[in-house]
Amino acid sequence: MNAETKRPRPSRPLSPHMRLVLNLIGAALVVVGIAGVILPILPGVPLLIVAAACFARSSPRFERMLVNHPVLGPGIVAWRERRAISRKAKMTAIGMMMISAVVIIVSGAPALFKVLALASMSGIASFIATRPDH
């Protein structure tokens, strides 16, 4: 199964205005996603996955460029084909959440905020940890 078979299919033709909006959102997500690939504090691949979904509806050419990119594409393809996350990405994401948890715990934030933030991070970390490696 290749990335082309798993890409989101448009349900109906888009208006030119909506196509422009999706292209702009996709482009913005690519810029932030590239920063996320470089900086461990941003979730790069999830943003690139959403960008590819936007481009699948608005610009198949941009989608192909993104999916076939040698650095940015493999994470997108792995997610589309197997819902997989690389071991390095898992370790980075969970590690950053652990650091964030410590910062939240020692902060002067209200207890309710701390509980909600820690519960959210625990759920997200569990989801990430249970995805297959790619």
N, C-alpha and C. Protein backbone atom coordinates (compact mmCIF):
# COMPACT_ATOMS: atom_id res chain seq x y z
N MET A 1 0.84 -1.17 0.00
CA MET A 1 0.00 0.00 0.00
C MET A 1 0.89 1.24 0.00
N ASN A 2 0.68 2.18 -0.92
CA ASN A 2 1.52 3.36 -0.96
C ASN A 2 0.76 4.56 -0.42
N ALA A 3 1.49 5.69 -0.32
CA ALA A 3 0.89 6.90 0.26
C ALA A 3 -0.26 7.42 -0.59
N GLU A 4 -0.22 7.19 -1.87
CA GLU A 4 -1.28 7.66 -2.75
C GLU A 4 -2.61 7.00 -2.44
N THR A 5 -2.59 5.75 -2.02
CA THR A 5 -3.84 5.05 -1.75
C THR A 5 -4.46 5.46 -0.43
N LYS A 6 -3.68 6.03 0.48
CA LYS A 6 -4.19 6.39 1.79
C LYS A 6 -4.45 7.88 1.95
N ARG A 7 -4.19 8.69 0.93
CA ARG A 7 -4.39 10.12 1.09
C ARG A 7 -5.88 10.44 1.13
N PRO A 8 -6.23 11.50 1.86
CA PRO A 8 -7.64 11.89 1.93
C PRO A 8 -8.17 12.23 0.55
N ARG A 9 -9.35 11.75 0.23
CA ARG A 9 -9.98 12.01 -1.06
C ARG A 9 -11.03 13.11 -0.90
N PRO A 10 -11.05 14.07 -1.83
CA PRO A 10 -12.08 15.09 -1.74
C PRO A 10 -13.47 14.50 -1.97
N SER A 11 -14.43 14.92 -1.16
CA SER A 11 -15.79 14.41 -1.30
C SER A 11 -16.53 15.14 -2.42
N ARG A 12 -16.15 16.38 -2.66
CA ARG A 12 -16.73 17.15 -3.75
C ARG A 12 -15.72 18.24 -4.13
N PRO A 13 -15.86 18.80 -5.33
CA PRO A 13 -14.90 19.84 -5.76
C PRO A 13 -14.94 21.06 -4.82
N LEU A 14 -13.77 21.64 -4.62
CA LEU A 14 -13.66 22.81 -3.76
C LEU A 14 -13.82 24.09 -4.56
N SER A 15 -14.33 25.11 -3.92
CA SER A 15 -14.39 26.42 -4.55
C SER A 15 -12.96 26.97 -4.63
N PRO A 16 -12.69 27.87 -5.54
CA PRO A 16 -11.35 28.47 -5.61
C PRO A 16 -10.95 29.15 -4.29
N HIS A 17 -11.92 29.75 -3.62
CA HIS A 17 -11.64 30.40 -2.34
C HIS A 17 -11.20 29.38 -1.29
N MET A 18 -11.92 28.27 -1.20
CA MET A 18 -11.57 27.23 -0.22
C MET A 18 -10.23 26.59 -0.57
N ARG A 19 -9.96 26.42 -1.85
CA ARG A 19 -8.68 25.86 -2.27
C ARG A 19 -7.54 26.77 -1.82
N LEU A 20 -7.73 28.09 -1.96
CA LEU A 20 -6.71 29.06 -1.52
C LEU A 20 -6.52 28.98 -0.01
N VAL A 21 -7.61 28.92 0.73
CA VAL A 21 -7.53 28.83 2.20
C VAL A 21 -6.76 27.58 2.62
N LEU A 22 -7.08 26.43 2.03
CA LEU A 22 -6.37 25.19 2.37
C LEU A 22 -4.90 25.25 1.97
N ASN A 23 -4.60 25.88 0.84
CA ASN A 23 -3.20 26.04 0.44
C ASN A 23 -2.44 26.91 1.44
N LEU A 24 -3.06 28.00 1.88
CA LEU A 24 -2.41 28.88 2.86
C LEU A 24 -2.21 28.17 4.20
N ILE A 25 -3.23 27.45 4.65
CA ILE A 25 -3.09 26.69 5.91
C ILE A 25 -2.00 25.64 5.76
N GLY A 26 -2.01 24.91 4.64
CA GLY A 26 -0.99 23.89 4.40
C GLY A 26 0.41 24.48 4.39
N ALA A 27 0.58 25.62 3.71
CA ALA A 27 1.90 26.27 3.65
C ALA A 27 2.36 26.72 5.03
N ALA A 28 1.45 27.30 5.81
CA ALA A 28 1.81 27.73 7.17
C ALA A 28 2.21 26.52 8.03
N LEU A 29 1.45 25.44 7.89
CA LEU A 29 1.77 24.24 8.66
C LEU A 29 3.11 23.64 8.24
N VAL A 30 3.45 23.71 6.97
CA VAL A 30 4.75 23.21 6.51
C VAL A 30 5.88 24.03 7.15
N VAL A 31 5.73 25.35 7.17
CA VAL A 31 6.77 26.20 7.76
C VAL A 31 6.95 25.86 9.24
N VAL A 32 5.86 25.78 9.98
CA VAL A 32 5.96 25.47 11.41
C VAL A 32 6.41 24.02 11.60
N GLY A 33 5.95 23.12 10.73
CA GLY A 33 6.37 21.72 10.81
C GLY A 33 7.85 21.54 10.58
N ILE A 34 8.41 22.29 9.64
CA ILE A 34 9.86 22.24 9.41
C ILE A 34 10.61 22.72 10.65
N ALA A 35 10.11 23.78 11.26
CA ALA A 35 10.72 24.25 12.52
C ALA A 35 10.63 23.15 13.58
N GLY A 36 9.50 22.44 13.59
CA GLY A 36 9.32 21.35 14.55
C GLY A 36 10.24 20.17 14.31
N VAL A 37 10.61 19.94 13.06
CA VAL A 37 11.57 18.87 12.77
C VAL A 37 12.94 19.24 13.35
N ILE A 38 13.25 20.53 13.36
CA ILE A 38 14.55 21.01 13.85
C ILE A 38 14.54 21.19 15.37
N LEU A 39 13.45 21.77 15.89
CA LEU A 39 13.35 22.07 17.32
C LEU A 39 12.50 21.02 18.03
N PRO A 40 13.01 20.43 19.09
CA PRO A 40 12.24 19.38 19.77
C PRO A 40 11.02 19.88 20.53
N ILE A 41 10.84 21.20 20.65
CA ILE A 41 9.70 21.70 21.41
C ILE A 41 8.43 21.81 20.57
N LEU A 42 8.55 21.64 19.26
CA LEU A 42 7.38 21.72 18.38
C LEU A 42 7.10 20.34 17.78
N PRO A 43 5.84 19.99 17.62
CA PRO A 43 5.50 18.69 17.01
C PRO A 43 5.56 18.78 15.48
N GLY A 44 6.70 18.50 14.89
CA GLY A 44 6.89 18.67 13.45
C GLY A 44 6.06 17.76 12.58
N VAL A 45 6.16 16.46 12.78
CA VAL A 45 5.48 15.51 11.90
C VAL A 45 3.96 15.63 11.96
N PRO A 46 3.34 15.77 13.15
CA PRO A 46 1.88 15.94 13.14
C PRO A 46 1.43 17.15 12.32
N LEU A 47 2.18 18.24 12.38
CA LEU A 47 1.83 19.41 11.59
C LEU A 47 1.99 19.13 10.10
N LEU A 48 3.02 18.38 9.74
CA LEU A 48 3.23 18.02 8.33
C LEU A 48 2.14 17.07 7.84
N ILE A 49 1.65 16.20 8.70
CA ILE A 49 0.56 15.29 8.33
C ILE A 49 -0.70 16.09 8.03
N VAL A 50 -0.99 17.09 8.85
CA VAL A 50 -2.17 17.93 8.60
C VAL A 50 -1.96 18.77 7.35
N ALA A 51 -0.73 19.27 7.13
CA ALA A 51 -0.44 20.03 5.91
C ALA A 51 -0.67 19.16 4.68
N ALA A 52 -0.21 17.91 4.72
CA ALA A 52 -0.41 17.00 3.58
C ALA A 52 -1.90 16.76 3.34
N ALA A 53 -2.69 16.67 4.41
CA ALA A 53 -4.13 16.49 4.26
C ALA A 53 -4.76 17.73 3.61
N CYS A 54 -4.31 18.91 4.00
CA CYS A 54 -4.81 20.14 3.36
C CYS A 54 -4.46 20.13 1.87
N PHE A 55 -3.22 19.80 1.57
CA PHE A 55 -2.78 19.79 0.17
C PHE A 55 -3.46 18.68 -0.64
N ALA A 56 -3.82 17.58 0.01
CA ALA A 56 -4.52 16.50 -0.71
C ALA A 56 -5.84 17.01 -1.27
N ARG A 57 -6.48 17.94 -0.57
CA ARG A 57 -7.74 18.52 -1.04
C ARG A 57 -7.52 19.69 -1.99
N SER A 58 -6.46 20.46 -1.79
CA SER A 58 -6.31 21.72 -2.52
C SER A 58 -5.26 21.70 -3.62
N SER A 59 -4.20 20.92 -3.45
CA SER A 59 -3.11 20.92 -4.43
C SER A 59 -2.38 19.57 -4.40
N PRO A 60 -2.83 18.63 -5.19
CA PRO A 60 -2.14 17.33 -5.22
C PRO A 60 -0.64 17.45 -5.55
N ARG A 61 -0.27 18.47 -6.30
CA ARG A 61 1.15 18.67 -6.63
C ARG A 61 1.94 18.98 -5.36
N PHE A 62 1.45 19.90 -4.52
CA PHE A 62 2.14 20.21 -3.27
C PHE A 62 2.15 19.01 -2.34
N GLU A 63 1.05 18.27 -2.33
CA GLU A 63 1.00 17.07 -1.50
C GLU A 63 2.08 16.07 -1.92
N ARG A 64 2.19 15.83 -3.23
CA ARG A 64 3.22 14.91 -3.73
C ARG A 64 4.61 15.39 -3.36
N MET A 65 4.84 16.70 -3.50
CA MET A 65 6.16 17.24 -3.15
C MET A 65 6.47 16.99 -1.68
N LEU A 66 5.48 17.18 -0.81
CA LEU A 66 5.68 16.99 0.62
C LEU A 66 5.87 15.52 0.97
N VAL A 67 5.01 14.67 0.45
CA VAL A 67 5.07 13.23 0.76
C VAL A 67 6.34 12.59 0.20
N ASN A 68 6.80 13.07 -0.94
CA ASN A 68 8.00 12.49 -1.56
C ASN A 68 9.29 13.15 -1.11
N HIS A 69 9.22 14.15 -0.24
CA HIS A 69 10.43 14.82 0.24
C HIS A 69 11.26 13.82 1.05
N PRO A 70 12.58 13.77 0.81
CA PRO A 70 13.40 12.75 1.49
C PRO A 70 13.47 12.91 3.01
N VAL A 71 13.33 14.10 3.54
CA VAL A 71 13.41 14.29 4.99
C VAL A 71 12.02 14.39 5.61
N LEU A 72 11.12 15.15 5.00
CA LEU A 72 9.80 15.40 5.57
C LEU A 72 8.79 14.30 5.28
N GLY A 73 8.94 13.62 4.17
CA GLY A 73 7.95 12.66 3.72
C GLY A 73 7.84 11.36 4.49
N PRO A 74 8.93 10.74 4.93
CA PRO A 74 8.81 9.42 5.57
C PRO A 74 7.87 9.37 6.77
N GLY A 75 7.85 10.39 7.60
CA GLY A 75 6.95 10.39 8.75
C GLY A 75 5.48 10.45 8.34
N ILE A 76 5.20 11.20 7.28
CA ILE A 76 3.84 11.30 6.76
C ILE A 76 3.40 9.96 6.18
N VAL A 77 4.27 9.36 5.39
CA VAL A 77 3.95 8.08 4.75
C VAL A 77 3.76 7.00 5.81
N ALA A 78 4.63 6.97 6.82
CA ALA A 78 4.51 5.97 7.89
C ALA A 78 3.17 6.12 8.61
N TRP A 79 2.75 7.35 8.85
CA TRP A 79 1.47 7.56 9.53
C TRP A 79 0.31 7.12 8.65
N ARG A 80 0.36 7.48 7.38
CA ARG A 80 -0.73 7.12 6.47
C ARG A 80 -0.84 5.62 6.26
N GLU A 81 0.27 4.96 6.15
CA GLU A 81 0.24 3.53 5.83
C GLU A 81 0.02 2.64 7.05
N ARG A 82 0.67 2.99 8.19
CA ARG A 82 0.64 2.09 9.34
C ARG A 82 0.28 2.76 10.65
N ARG A 83 -0.06 4.05 10.59
CA ARG A 83 -0.30 4.83 11.81
C ARG A 83 0.89 4.69 12.76
N ALA A 84 2.10 4.74 12.17
CA ALA A 84 3.33 4.52 12.92
C ALA A 84 4.06 5.83 13.19
N ILE A 85 4.78 5.86 14.31
CA ILE A 85 5.60 7.00 14.71
C ILE A 85 7.00 6.47 14.98
N SER A 86 8.02 7.17 14.51
CA SER A 86 9.39 6.69 14.71
C SER A 86 9.73 6.65 16.20
N ARG A 87 10.59 5.75 16.55
CA ARG A 87 11.01 5.59 17.95
C ARG A 87 11.65 6.88 18.46
N LYS A 88 12.46 7.52 17.62
CA LYS A 88 13.12 8.78 18.01
C LYS A 88 12.06 9.84 18.30
N ALA A 89 11.04 9.94 17.46
CA ALA A 89 9.99 10.94 17.67
C ALA A 89 9.21 10.64 18.95
N LYS A 90 8.95 9.37 19.20
CA LYS A 90 8.25 8.98 20.43
C LYS A 90 9.06 9.40 21.65
N MET A 91 10.33 9.07 21.63
CA MET A 91 11.19 9.37 22.79
C MET A 91 11.29 10.88 22.99
N THR A 92 11.42 11.63 21.90
CA THR A 92 11.51 13.08 22.01
C THR A 92 10.22 13.65 22.57
N ALA A 93 9.09 13.23 22.02
CA ALA A 93 7.80 13.77 22.46
C ALA A 93 7.54 13.45 23.93
N ILE A 94 7.75 12.21 24.31
CA ILE A 94 7.49 11.81 25.70
C ILE A 94 8.49 12.47 26.64
N GLY A 95 9.73 12.58 26.21
CA GLY A 95 10.75 13.27 27.02
C GLY A 95 10.40 14.73 27.25
N MET A 96 9.94 15.41 26.19
CA MET A 96 9.56 16.82 26.35
C MET A 96 8.34 16.95 27.25
N MET A 97 7.42 15.99 27.16
CA MET A 97 6.26 16.02 28.05
C MET A 97 6.68 15.81 29.50
N MET A 98 7.67 14.96 29.72
CA MET A 98 8.14 14.74 31.09
C MET A 98 8.79 16.01 31.65
N ILE A 99 9.58 16.68 30.83
CA ILE A 99 10.19 17.94 31.26
C ILE A 99 9.10 18.97 31.55
N SER A 100 8.11 19.04 30.66
CA SER A 100 7.00 19.98 30.87
C SER A 100 6.23 19.65 32.14
N ALA A 101 6.07 18.37 32.42
CA ALA A 101 5.35 17.96 33.64
C ALA A 101 6.09 18.44 34.88
N VAL A 102 7.39 18.31 34.88
CA VAL A 102 8.18 18.78 36.03
C VAL A 102 8.02 20.29 36.19
N VAL A 103 8.10 21.02 35.07
CA VAL A 103 7.94 22.48 35.13
C VAL A 103 6.56 22.84 35.67
N ILE A 104 5.54 22.14 35.21
CA ILE A 104 4.17 22.42 35.67
C ILE A 104 4.02 22.12 37.15
N ILE A 105 4.59 21.01 37.59
CA ILE A 105 4.47 20.62 38.99
C ILE A 105 5.12 21.65 39.92
N VAL A 106 6.29 22.15 39.55
CA VAL A 106 6.99 23.11 40.42
C VAL A 106 6.52 24.54 40.22
N SER A 107 5.68 24.77 39.23
CA SER A 107 5.19 26.14 38.98
C SER A 107 4.16 26.53 40.04
N GLY A 108 3.82 27.78 40.04
CA GLY A 108 2.81 28.27 40.97
C GLY A 108 1.41 28.24 40.38
N ALA A 109 1.22 27.44 39.35
CA ALA A 109 -0.09 27.36 38.70
C ALA A 109 -1.13 26.77 39.64
N PRO A 110 -2.39 27.11 39.44
CA PRO A 110 -3.45 26.53 40.26
C PRO A 110 -3.48 25.01 40.14
N ALA A 111 -3.89 24.35 41.20
CA ALA A 111 -3.90 22.88 41.24
C ALA A 111 -4.76 22.29 40.12
N LEU A 112 -5.90 22.90 39.83
CA LEU A 112 -6.77 22.39 38.77
C LEU A 112 -6.06 22.40 37.43
N PHE A 113 -5.34 23.47 37.14
CA PHE A 113 -4.56 23.54 35.90
C PHE A 113 -3.52 22.43 35.85
N LYS A 114 -2.83 22.24 36.96
CA LYS A 114 -1.80 21.20 37.02
C LYS A 114 -2.41 19.82 36.73
N VAL A 115 -3.52 19.52 37.37
CA VAL A 115 -4.16 18.22 37.19
C VAL A 115 -4.61 18.04 35.74
N LEU A 116 -5.25 19.05 35.17
CA LEU A 116 -5.72 18.96 33.78
C LEU A 116 -4.56 18.81 32.80
N ALA A 117 -3.50 19.59 33.01
CA ALA A 117 -2.34 19.52 32.12
C ALA A 117 -1.66 18.15 32.22
N LEU A 118 -1.47 17.66 33.43
CA LEU A 118 -0.80 16.38 33.61
C LEU A 118 -1.66 15.23 33.07
N ALA A 119 -2.97 15.31 33.26
CA ALA A 119 -3.86 14.27 32.73
C ALA A 119 -3.84 14.28 31.20
N SER A 120 -3.85 15.47 30.61
CA SER A 120 -3.79 15.57 29.14
C SER A 120 -2.49 14.99 28.61
N MET A 121 -1.39 15.37 29.24
CA MET A 121 -0.09 14.86 28.78
C MET A 121 0.00 13.36 28.96
N SER A 122 -0.57 12.83 30.02
CA SER A 122 -0.54 11.38 30.23
C SER A 122 -1.30 10.66 29.13
N GLY A 123 -2.46 11.17 28.78
CA GLY A 123 -3.25 10.56 27.70
C GLY A 123 -2.52 10.62 26.36
N ILE A 124 -1.94 11.77 26.06
CA ILE A 124 -1.22 11.92 24.79
C ILE A 124 0.02 11.02 24.78
N ALA A 125 0.74 10.96 25.89
CA ALA A 125 1.93 10.11 25.96
C ALA A 125 1.55 8.64 25.79
N SER A 126 0.42 8.24 26.37
CA SER A 126 -0.04 6.85 26.20
C SER A 126 -0.37 6.57 24.74
N PHE A 127 -1.04 7.50 24.09
CA PHE A 127 -1.36 7.32 22.67
C PHE A 127 -0.09 7.17 21.85
N ILE A 128 0.87 8.07 22.07
CA ILE A 128 2.12 8.04 21.30
C ILE A 128 2.87 6.72 21.56
N ALA A 129 2.95 6.33 22.82
CA ALA A 129 3.71 5.12 23.17
C ALA A 129 3.12 3.86 22.57
N THR A 130 1.81 3.84 22.35
CA THR A 130 1.17 2.63 21.83
C THR A 130 1.12 2.56 20.30
N ARG A 131 1.60 3.58 19.61
CA ARG A 131 1.66 3.51 18.14
C ARG A 131 2.83 2.63 17.72
N PRO A 132 2.70 1.93 16.62
CA PRO A 132 3.83 1.11 16.15
C PRO A 132 5.01 1.99 15.74
N ASP A 133 6.21 1.42 15.83
CA ASP A 133 7.42 2.12 15.35
C ASP A 133 7.46 2.01 13.83
N HIS A 134 8.07 3.00 13.21
CA HIS A 134 8.21 2.88 11.74
C HIS A 134 9.63 2.73 11.35
